[in-house]
C-alpha atoms as a PDB file:
ATOM      1  CA  UNK A   1       0.532  31.514   4.949  1.00  0.00           C
ATOM      2  CA  UNK A   2       3.752  31.358   6.940  1.00  0.00           C
ATOM      3  CA  UNK A   3       2.531  28.328   8.912  1.00  0.00           C
ATOM      4  CA  UNK A   4       1.664  26.484   5.701  1.00  0.00           C
ATOM      5  CA  UNK A   5       5.167  27.072   4.308  1.00  0.00           C
ATOM      6  CA  UNK A   6       6.751  25.905   7.567  1.00  0.00           C
ATOM      7  CA  UNK A   7       4.583  22.772   7.568  1.00  0.00           C
ATOM      8  CA  UNK A   8       5.478  21.961   3.957  1.00  0.00           C
ATOM      9  CA  UNK A   9       9.196  22.464   4.525  1.00  0.00           C
ATOM     10  CA  UNK A  10       9.212  20.443   7.753  1.00  0.00           C
ATOM     11  CA  UNK A  11       7.375  17.510   6.137  1.00  0.00           C
ATOM     12  CA  UNK A  12       8.749  17.713   2.600  1.00  0.00           C
ATOM     13  CA  UNK A  13      10.177  14.180   2.494  1.00  0.00           C
ATOM     14  CA  UNK A  14       6.943  12.639   3.764  1.00  0.00           C
ATOM     15  CA  UNK A  15       4.888  14.626   1.259  1.00  0.00           C
ATOM     16  CA  UNK A  16       7.112  13.561  -1.640  1.00  0.00           C
ATOM     17  CA  UNK A  17       6.966   9.942  -0.448  1.00  0.00           C
ATOM     18  CA  UNK A  18       3.174  10.048  -0.266  1.00  0.00           C
ATOM     19  CA  UNK A  19       2.927  11.561  -3.762  1.00  0.00           C
ATOM     20  CA  UNK A  20       5.163   8.772  -5.050  1.00  0.00           C
ATOM     21  CA  UNK A  21       2.981   6.119  -3.396  1.00  0.00           C
ATOM     22  CA  UNK A  22      -0.121   7.663  -4.945  1.00  0.00           C
ATOM     23  CA  UNK A  23       1.448   7.728  -8.421  1.00  0.00           C
ATOM     24  CA  UNK A  24       2.639   4.122  -8.215  1.00  0.00           C
ATOM     25  CA  UNK A  25      -0.787   3.016  -6.987  1.00  0.00           C
ATOM     26  CA  UNK A  26      -2.561   4.814  -9.838  1.00  0.00           C
ATOM     27  CA  UNK A  27      -0.225   3.156 -12.327  1.00  0.00           C
ATOM     28  CA  UNK A  28      -0.930  -0.293 -10.921  1.00  0.00           C
ATOM     29  CA  UNK A  29      -4.689   0.356 -10.900  1.00  0.00           C
ATOM     30  CA  UNK A  30      -4.479   1.278 -14.585  1.00  0.00           C
ATOM     31  CA  UNK A  31      -2.674  -1.999 -15.200  1.00  0.00           C
ATOM     32  CA  UNK A  32      -4.898  -4.276 -13.097  1.00  0.00           C
ATOM     33  CA  UNK A  33      -7.325  -3.782 -10.210  1.00  0.00           C
ATOM     34  CA  UNK A  34      -5.943  -6.613  -8.063  1.00  0.00           C
ATOM     35  CA  UNK A  35      -2.349  -5.504  -8.623  1.00  0.00           C
ATOM     36  CA  UNK A  36      -3.387  -1.987  -7.609  1.00  0.00           C
ATOM     37  CA  UNK A  37      -4.737  -3.122  -4.259  1.00  0.00           C
ATOM     38  CA  UNK A  38      -1.670  -5.286  -3.602  1.00  0.00           C
ATOM     39  CA  UNK A  39       0.698  -2.445  -4.501  1.00  0.00           C
ATOM     40  CA  UNK A  40      -1.232   0.107  -2.443  1.00  0.00           C
ATOM     41  CA  UNK A  41      -1.295  -2.117   0.623  1.00  0.00           C
ATOM     42  CA  UNK A  42       2.367  -3.039   0.417  1.00  0.00           C
ATOM     43  CA  UNK A  43       3.444   0.568  -0.165  1.00  0.00           C
ATOM     44  CA  UNK A  44       1.444   1.794   2.838  1.00  0.00           C
ATOM     45  CA  UNK A  45       2.950  -0.973   4.973  1.00  0.00           C
ATOM     46  CA  UNK A  46       6.405   0.124   3.814  1.00  0.00           C
ATOM     47  CA  UNK A  47       5.542   3.754   4.586  1.00  0.00           C
ATOM     48  CA  UNK A  48       4.384   2.844   8.096  1.00  0.00           C
ATOM     49  CA  UNK A  49       7.556   0.828   8.673  1.00  0.00           C
ATOM     50  CA  UNK A  50       9.788   3.665   7.461  1.00  0.00           C
ATOM     51  CA  UNK A  51       8.021   6.204   9.649  1.00  0.00           C
ATOM     52  CA  UNK A  52       8.183   3.872  12.638  1.00  0.00           C
ATOM     53  CA  UNK A  53      11.911   3.205  12.185  1.00  0.00           C
ATOM     54  CA  UNK A  54      13.065   6.707  11.307  1.00  0.00           C
ATOM     55  CA  UNK A  55      10.178   8.937  12.289  1.00  0.00           C
ATOM     56  CA  UNK A  56      10.359  12.241  14.087  1.00  0.00           C
END
């Protein structure tokens, strides 16, 4: 249990960012299927870029 708490606290920003990406993607998929795929792809590209530039 202690290791899980340490993992969550160490990676809190990445977890919150991933939850945000998932919520935005779900919203776009509800709006339109094509827009959902475009939004998901662009958000994951942005996530990869942010982790590459400022990663651990």
